[in-house]
Amino acid sequence: MIELEGVPELIDPVMICAFEGWNDAGDAASSAVAHLDREWKGEVFAALDAEDYYDFQVNRPTVWLDGGVRKITWPTTRLSVVRTGGDKGAPRDLVLVRGIEPSMRWRSFCNEILGFAHELGVEMVVILGSLLGDTPHTRPVPVSGVTSDPDLARTLDLEESRYEGPTGIVGVLQEACTHAGVPAVSLWAAVPHYVSQPPNPKATLALLNRLEDLIDLRVPQGELPEDARAWQLGVDQLAAEDSEVAEYVQSLEEARDTADLPEASGEAIAREFERYLRRRDGQPGQPGQGGGLAAEPGLAEGGRDASYLRDTTSGRTRPPRPSAKDEDEGASEGPERGQDGPKDED
């Protein structure tokens, strides 16, 4: 039985989920939910029992010291709630679900999350994912919105899922939502397979921009635009040092530009301009929160010092050089994480 003592009554809640693991290339999806939790100061109100869902030989617990006392943090999935202000000042609540793809009992795992969604009155579930694809790092990150609900696809201008093949917890949870009658959408960002090491702030930023459009809510970007430009600059430098990589990136650029030519339409331009206006009218003059047009970093500005690069998770000053092994692994991880760009995943 789910008890939610201490959780206030929520206003128009949307549940946003992301899971580390197979569906989280470059940690882009889990980093997006972590960003929402950090920017809006989410309060954890529940955690699933790690014993029920995780193999601790696969996802190891960690030991840490708290004032000289040894403590253990177990891998699990946690739920937090944040209250935001809508574009017009109206409050709206988000239920953030962030965890690790479970090792076992996936149906029970999904049912437990859906139990929380039901008790909290969640209106829609949005699941974030990222995959490896044949996409150049110098172009805007492709993000596809997918649903299994034909009516929702028409209403929100999403793709109706036609994917067949191996799936992860993102696909399983979306189908569980559909069968339970809960509107559910998956947003997928494509990460360049030749630079798949996390973090990838550019892909994280792209997911958050797409989420903004979907739920009509302005997300504070913080340092993400700056980090995305720094990430791209680092990859530009790596490509410049290796002629084969540079040639390969150029071929991806040409293919992408040819495919995207029809997309350079009035509708696409209008969508970007609307995002720009929302940000300008929301908090003018805020650092890092200017226009949406700057949220998708293009080519990095010349002359920026390499010391500008940051990787807060590993302390690296630049992304590691992509290896042949990385490319081989990316190509062998199945349709959801292969090299064919975003799929119609469940």
Protein backbone atom coordinates (compact mmCIF):
# COMPACT_ATOMS: atom_id res chain seq x y z
CA MET A 1 0.00 0.00 0.00
CA ILE A 2 1.31 3.45 -0.93
CA GLU A 3 1.05 6.10 1.76
CA LEU A 4 1.90 9.70 0.92
CA GLU A 5 1.83 11.44 4.26
CA GLY A 6 3.37 14.88 4.17
CA VAL A 7 2.97 15.30 0.39
CA PRO A 8 0.80 18.36 -0.34
CA GLU A 9 -2.07 18.25 -2.80
CA LEU A 10 -0.49 18.78 -6.20
CA ILE A 11 -1.58 21.18 -8.93
CA ASP A 12 -1.88 19.78 -12.49
CA PRO A 13 1.02 17.37 -11.84
CA VAL A 14 3.12 15.86 -14.61
CA MET A 15 5.46 12.96 -13.83
CA ILE A 16 8.94 13.20 -15.44
CA CYS A 17 11.01 9.99 -15.40
CA ALA A 18 14.56 9.03 -16.38
CA PHE A 19 16.63 5.94 -15.64
CA GLU A 20 20.36 5.41 -15.80
CA GLY A 21 21.50 2.49 -17.94
CA TRP A 22 20.67 1.22 -21.40
CA ASN A 23 18.31 4.09 -22.30
CA ASP A 24 20.58 6.87 -21.04
CA ALA A 25 23.36 7.46 -23.59
CA GLY A 26 25.76 10.15 -22.39
CA ASP A 27 23.70 10.34 -19.16
CA ALA A 28 21.61 12.91 -21.03
CA ALA A 29 18.20 11.80 -19.73
CA SER A 30 19.11 11.24 -16.08
CA SER A 31 21.04 14.53 -16.09
CA ALA A 32 17.92 16.34 -17.34
CA VAL A 33 15.81 15.13 -14.41
CA ALA A 34 18.69 15.86 -12.02
CA HIS A 35 18.79 19.41 -13.43
CA LEU A 36 15.05 19.90 -12.80
CA ASP A 37 15.43 18.57 -9.27
CA ARG A 38 18.39 20.86 -8.57
CA GLU A 39 16.98 24.03 -10.12
CA TRP A 40 13.60 23.71 -8.43
CA LYS A 41 14.92 22.23 -5.18
CA GLY A 42 12.93 19.02 -5.27
CA GLU A 43 12.01 17.25 -2.05
CA VAL A 44 12.30 13.45 -2.02
CA PHE A 45 9.14 11.87 -0.61
CA ALA A 46 9.57 8.20 -1.56
CA ALA A 47 12.14 5.61 -2.64
CA LEU A 48 11.51 2.13 -3.98
CA ASP A 49 12.91 -0.79 -2.00
CA ALA A 50 16.27 -1.59 -3.59
CA GLU A 51 16.03 -5.25 -2.51
CA ASP A 52 13.04 -5.76 -4.77
CA TYR A 53 14.51 -4.57 -8.04
CA TYR A 54 18.31 -4.44 -8.13
CA ASP A 55 21.12 -6.96 -8.44
CA PHE A 56 23.80 -5.47 -6.21
CA GLN A 57 26.55 -7.26 -8.13
CA VAL A 58 25.48 -5.23 -11.17
CA ASN A 59 24.65 -1.96 -9.40
CA ARG A 60 26.92 -1.81 -6.38
CA PRO A 61 26.03 0.11 -3.22
CA THR A 62 28.50 2.80 -2.16
CA VAL A 63 30.03 3.42 1.25
CA TRP A 64 30.65 6.94 2.53
CA LEU A 65 31.56 8.70 5.77
CA ASP A 66 29.18 11.02 7.56
CA GLY A 67 31.04 12.71 10.39
CA GLY A 68 33.21 9.65 10.83
CA VAL A 69 30.25 7.25 10.69
CA ARG A 70 30.25 4.81 7.77
CA LYS A 71 27.00 4.73 5.82
CA ILE A 72 25.79 2.88 2.73
CA THR A 73 23.81 4.34 -0.16
CA TRP A 74 21.84 1.68 -2.01
CA PRO A 75 21.04 1.94 -5.73
CA THR A 76 17.35 2.64 -6.11
CA THR A 77 14.72 4.87 -7.70
CA ARG A 78 13.59 7.98 -5.84
CA LEU A 79 10.59 10.24 -6.30
CA SER A 80 10.60 13.95 -5.53
CA VAL A 81 8.12 16.75 -6.02
CA VAL A 82 8.72 20.32 -7.16
CA ARG A 83 6.35 23.29 -7.48
CA THR A 84 6.98 25.58 -10.40
CA GLY A 85 5.50 28.74 -11.86
CA GLY A 86 3.88 28.42 -15.26
CA ASP A 87 4.60 30.77 -18.15
CA LYS A 88 1.69 32.93 -17.03
CA GLY A 89 2.47 32.72 -13.35
CA ALA A 90 0.14 29.80 -12.58
CA PRO A 91 1.77 27.15 -10.36
CA ARG A 92 2.28 23.65 -11.64
CA ASP A 93 3.79 20.66 -9.90
CA LEU A 94 6.19 18.07 -11.26
CA VAL A 95 6.79 14.61 -9.84
CA LEU A 96 10.36 13.64 -10.68
CA VAL A 97 11.31 9.98 -10.90
CA ARG A 98 15.03 9.37 -11.12
CA GLY A 99 16.75 6.04 -10.71
CA ILE A 100 18.48 3.12 -12.35
CA GLU A 101 17.02 0.66 -14.81
CA PRO A 102 15.95 -2.27 -12.58
CA SER A 103 17.65 -5.65 -12.78
CA MET A 104 14.48 -7.67 -12.16
CA ARG A 105 10.69 -7.56 -11.63
CA TRP A 106 10.08 -4.86 -14.21
CA ARG A 107 6.29 -5.23 -14.17
CA SER A 108 6.13 -4.80 -10.41
CA PHE A 109 8.51 -1.84 -10.72
CA CYS A 110 6.22 -0.13 -13.25
CA ASN A 111 3.11 -0.92 -11.22
CA GLU A 112 4.66 0.70 -8.15
CA ILE A 113 5.47 3.88 -10.08
CA LEU A 114 1.96 3.91 -11.56
CA GLY A 115 0.57 3.52 -8.04
CA PHE A 116 2.28 6.76 -7.06
CA ALA A 117 1.03 8.43 -10.25
CA HIS A 118 -2.54 7.42 -9.43
CA GLU A 119 -2.37 8.55 -5.79
CA LEU A 120 -0.86 11.90 -6.77
CA GLY A 121 -3.35 12.59 -9.56
CA VAL A 122 -0.69 12.71 -12.29
CA GLU A 123 -2.17 13.95 -15.57
CA MET A 124 0.61 12.74 -17.87
CA VAL A 125 3.87 10.77 -17.65
CA VAL A 126 6.86 11.96 -19.68
CA ILE A 127 9.79 9.53 -19.89
CA LEU A 128 13.16 10.83 -21.05
CA GLY A 129 15.68 8.70 -22.91
CA SER A 130 18.81 9.07 -25.00
CA LEU A 131 20.39 6.79 -27.57
CA LEU A 132 23.53 6.55 -29.67
CA GLY A 133 23.09 7.64 -33.26
CA ASP A 134 24.71 8.79 -36.48
CA THR A 135 24.37 12.47 -35.65
CA PRO A 136 27.12 15.11 -35.82
CA HIS A 137 27.98 16.98 -32.64
CA THR A 138 28.04 20.27 -34.57
CA ARG A 139 24.32 20.26 -35.34
CA PRO A 140 21.27 20.68 -33.06
CA VAL A 141 20.51 17.49 -31.15
CA PRO A 142 17.62 15.54 -32.72
CA VAL A 143 14.85 14.91 -30.18
CA SER A 144 11.84 12.79 -31.10
CA GLY A 145 8.58 12.65 -29.17
CA VAL A 146 6.87 9.26 -29.22
CA THR A 147 3.62 7.89 -27.83
CA SER A 148 1.57 4.72 -28.18
CA ASP A 149 -1.68 6.67 -27.92
CA PRO A 150 -3.03 7.72 -31.36
CA ASP A 151 -5.18 10.49 -29.88
CA LEU A 152 -2.25 11.89 -27.88
CA ALA A 153 -0.07 11.73 -30.99
CA ARG A 154 -2.54 13.89 -32.90
CA THR A 155 -3.16 16.31 -30.03
CA LEU A 156 0.50 16.94 -29.18
CA ASP A 157 1.94 16.48 -32.69
CA LEU A 158 3.98 13.42 -31.69
CA GLU A 159 5.08 10.31 -33.54
CA GLU A 160 3.01 7.20 -32.96
CA SER A 161 5.34 4.38 -31.98
CA ARG A 162 6.07 1.76 -34.62
CA TYR A 163 9.22 0.37 -33.02
CA GLU A 164 9.77 -3.40 -32.82
CA GLY A 165 12.76 -4.99 -31.12
CA PRO A 166 14.60 -5.08 -27.80
CA THR A 167 13.41 -2.50 -25.33
CA GLY A 168 14.44 -1.03 -21.99
CA ILE A 169 12.57 0.21 -18.95
CA VAL A 170 11.53 3.34 -20.89
CA GLY A 171 9.55 1.27 -23.38
CA VAL A 172 8.13 -1.04 -20.71
CA LEU A 173 6.99 1.84 -18.48
CA GLN A 174 5.38 3.66 -21.40
CA GLU A 175 3.38 0.58 -22.35
CA ALA A 176 2.39 0.06 -18.71
CA CYS A 177 1.07 3.62 -18.65
CA THR A 178 -0.87 3.05 -21.85
CA HIS A 179 -2.53 -0.11 -20.52
CA ALA A 180 -3.36 1.70 -17.26
CA GLY A 181 -5.01 4.55 -19.15
CA VAL A 182 -2.38 7.11 -18.16
CA PRO A 183 -1.27 9.44 -21.02
CA ALA A 184 2.44 8.82 -21.61
CA VAL A 185 5.08 10.30 -23.89
CA SER A 186 8.74 9.39 -24.45
CA LEU A 187 11.27 12.01 -25.52
CA TRP A 188 14.44 10.64 -27.11
CA ALA A 189 17.66 12.57 -27.74
CA ALA A 190 20.29 11.25 -30.16
CA VAL A 191 23.89 11.31 -28.88
CA PRO A 192 26.84 11.09 -31.33
CA HIS A 193 28.13 7.55 -31.05
CA TYR A 194 31.72 8.68 -31.63
CA VAL A 195 31.68 10.78 -28.46
CA SER A 196 29.36 8.82 -26.20
CA GLN A 197 31.13 9.35 -22.89
CA PRO A 198 29.08 11.23 -20.31
CA PRO A 199 28.21 13.91 -19.62
CA ASN A 200 26.58 15.37 -22.71
CA PRO A 201 25.10 18.73 -21.64
CA LYS A 202 24.08 19.58 -25.20
CA ALA A 203 21.77 16.54 -25.37
CA THR A 204 20.48 17.28 -21.86
CA LEU A 205 19.65 20.83 -22.90
CA ALA A 206 17.87 19.60 -26.03
CA LEU A 207 15.68 17.26 -23.96
CA LEU A 208 14.75 20.08 -21.60
CA ASN A 209 13.90 22.38 -24.51
CA ARG A 210 11.61 19.73 -25.97
CA LEU A 211 10.06 19.15 -22.56
CA GLU A 212 9.33 22.89 -22.33
CA ASP A 213 7.38 22.76 -25.58
CA LEU A 214 5.50 19.62 -24.52
CA ILE A 215 4.24 20.75 -21.11
CA ASP A 216 4.27 24.52 -21.78
CA LEU A 217 6.58 25.31 -18.89
CA ARG A 218 9.72 27.40 -18.90
CA VAL A 219 12.65 25.46 -17.44
CA PRO A 220 15.50 27.46 -15.87
CA GLN A 221 18.63 26.52 -17.79
CA GLY A 222 21.28 27.55 -15.29
CA GLU A 223 24.77 26.79 -16.60
CA LEU A 224 23.63 24.24 -19.18
CA PRO A 225 24.01 26.51 -22.26
CA GLU A 226 27.53 27.40 -21.18
CA ASP A 227 28.39 23.77 -20.49
CA ALA A 228 26.95 22.71 -23.85
CA ARG A 229 29.12 25.21 -25.72
CA ALA A 230 32.16 24.07 -23.75
CA TRP A 231 31.39 20.42 -24.56
CA GLN A 232 31.09 21.18 -28.26
CA LEU A 233 34.33 23.14 -28.26
CA GLY A 234 36.11 20.17 -26.69
CA VAL A 235 34.79 17.78 -29.32
CA ASP A 236 35.70 20.27 -32.07
CA GLN A 237 39.27 20.22 -30.77
CA LEU A 238 39.40 16.43 -30.76
CA ALA A 239 38.09 16.27 -34.30
CA ALA A 240 40.65 18.83 -35.44
CA GLU A 241 43.45 16.63 -34.07
CA ASP A 242 42.33 13.52 -35.98
CA SER A 243 41.81 13.81 -39.73
CA GLU A 244 39.75 10.61 -39.91
CA VAL A 245 37.36 11.82 -37.23
CA ALA A 246 37.12 15.24 -38.92
CA GLU A 247 36.30 13.60 -42.26
CA TYR A 248 33.70 11.36 -40.64
CA VAL A 249 32.04 14.31 -38.88
CA GLN A 250 31.91 16.20 -42.17
CA SER A 251 30.13 13.28 -43.83
CA LEU A 252 27.58 13.20 -41.01
CA GLU A 253 27.06 16.95 -41.37
CA GLU A 254 26.38 16.65 -45.08
CA ALA A 255 23.91 13.82 -44.55
CA ARG A 256 22.17 15.66 -41.73
CA ASP A 257 21.92 18.94 -43.65
CA THR A 258 20.43 17.16 -46.64
CA ALA A 259 17.86 15.37 -44.48
CA ASP A 260 16.98 18.49 -42.48
CA LEU A 261 16.54 20.80 -45.47
CA PRO A 262 12.76 20.26 -45.61
CA GLU A 263 12.60 20.91 -41.85
CA ALA A 264 13.93 24.46 -42.26
CA SER A 265 10.33 25.53 -42.59
CA GLY A 266 8.29 28.39 -41.26
CA GLU A 267 6.84 26.09 -38.61
CA ALA A 268 10.27 25.11 -37.24
CA ILE A 269 11.47 28.72 -37.23
CA ALA A 270 8.28 29.86 -35.51
CA ARG A 271 8.71 27.21 -32.81
CA GLU A 272 12.22 28.44 -32.00
CA PHE A 273 11.07 32.06 -32.02
CA GLU A 274 8.23 31.28 -29.61
CA ARG A 275 10.71 29.71 -27.20
CA TYR A 276 12.87 32.82 -27.47
CA LEU A 277 9.93 35.08 -26.67
CA ARG A 278 8.91 32.96 -23.67
CA ARG A 279 12.37 33.26 -22.18
CA ARG A 280 12.70 36.97 -22.89
CA ASP A 281 9.29 37.76 -21.37
CA GLY A 282 9.77 35.38 -18.45
CA GLN A 283 12.95 36.70 -16.87
CA PRO A 284 14.64 39.35 -18.96
CA GLY A 285 18.30 39.92 -18.26
CA GLN A 286 18.86 36.65 -16.39
CA PRO A 287 22.28 35.14 -17.17
CA GLY A 288 22.07 31.98 -19.20
CA GLN A 289 18.31 32.41 -19.68
CA GLY A 290 18.22 34.61 -22.72
CA GLY A 291 16.74 33.35 -25.95
CA GLY A 292 15.80 29.84 -26.90
CA LEU A 293 17.72 30.40 -30.10
CA ALA A 294 20.90 30.28 -28.06
CA ALA A 295 19.83 27.17 -26.19
CA GLU A 296 20.86 24.90 -29.07
CA PRO A 297 24.55 25.71 -29.28
CA GLY A 298 25.96 25.95 -32.76
CA LEU A 299 29.63 26.09 -33.58
CA ALA A 300 31.63 27.27 -30.60
CA GLU A 301 32.96 30.76 -30.61
CA GLY A 302 36.55 30.98 -31.72
CA GLY A 303 39.33 31.95 -29.40
CA ARG A 304 37.85 30.37 -26.25
CA ASP A 305 40.51 28.97 -23.96
CA ALA A 306 40.60 25.18 -23.54
CA SER A 307 40.64 25.63 -19.75
CA TYR A 308 37.03 26.73 -20.09
CA LEU A 309 35.98 23.09 -20.54
CA ARG A 310 34.40 21.48 -17.54
CA ASP A 311 33.27 17.99 -16.61
CA THR A 312 31.83 18.15 -13.12
CA THR A 313 31.48 14.39 -12.77
CA SER A 314 35.03 13.30 -13.56
CA GLY A 315 37.19 16.39 -13.27
CA ARG A 316 38.26 16.11 -16.92
CA THR A 317 38.92 19.33 -18.77
CA ARG A 318 37.86 17.87 -22.11
CA PRO A 319 36.02 14.84 -23.41
CA PRO A 320 38.23 11.75 -23.86
CA ARG A 321 39.28 10.79 -27.35
CA PRO A 322 36.68 8.51 -28.94
CA SER A 323 38.04 5.05 -29.61
CA ALA A 324 37.23 2.34 -32.10
CA LYS A 325 35.90 0.29 -29.18
CA ASP A 326 33.33 3.01 -28.38
CA GLU A 327 32.06 2.95 -31.95
CA ASP A 328 31.86 -0.84 -32.01
CA GLU A 329 29.95 -0.93 -28.73
CA GLY A 330 27.55 1.75 -29.93
CA ALA A 331 26.84 -0.23 -33.08
CA SER A 332 26.14 -3.46 -31.16
CA GLU A 333 23.74 -2.26 -28.49
CA GLY A 334 20.57 -2.88 -30.42
CA PRO A 335 18.10 -0.69 -32.28
CA GLU A 336 17.48 1.68 -29.36
CA ARG A 337 21.14 2.51 -28.95
CA GLY A 338 22.44 1.85 -32.43
CA GLN A 339 23.70 4.24 -35.11
CA ASP A 340 20.50 4.95 -36.95
CA GLY A 341 19.36 8.03 -35.05
CA PRO A 342 16.18 8.30 -32.94
CA LYS A 343 13.82 5.36 -33.32
CA ASP A 344 10.09 5.15 -32.80
CA GLU A 345 10.75 3.66 -29.38
CA ASP A 346 7.95 2.86 -27.03
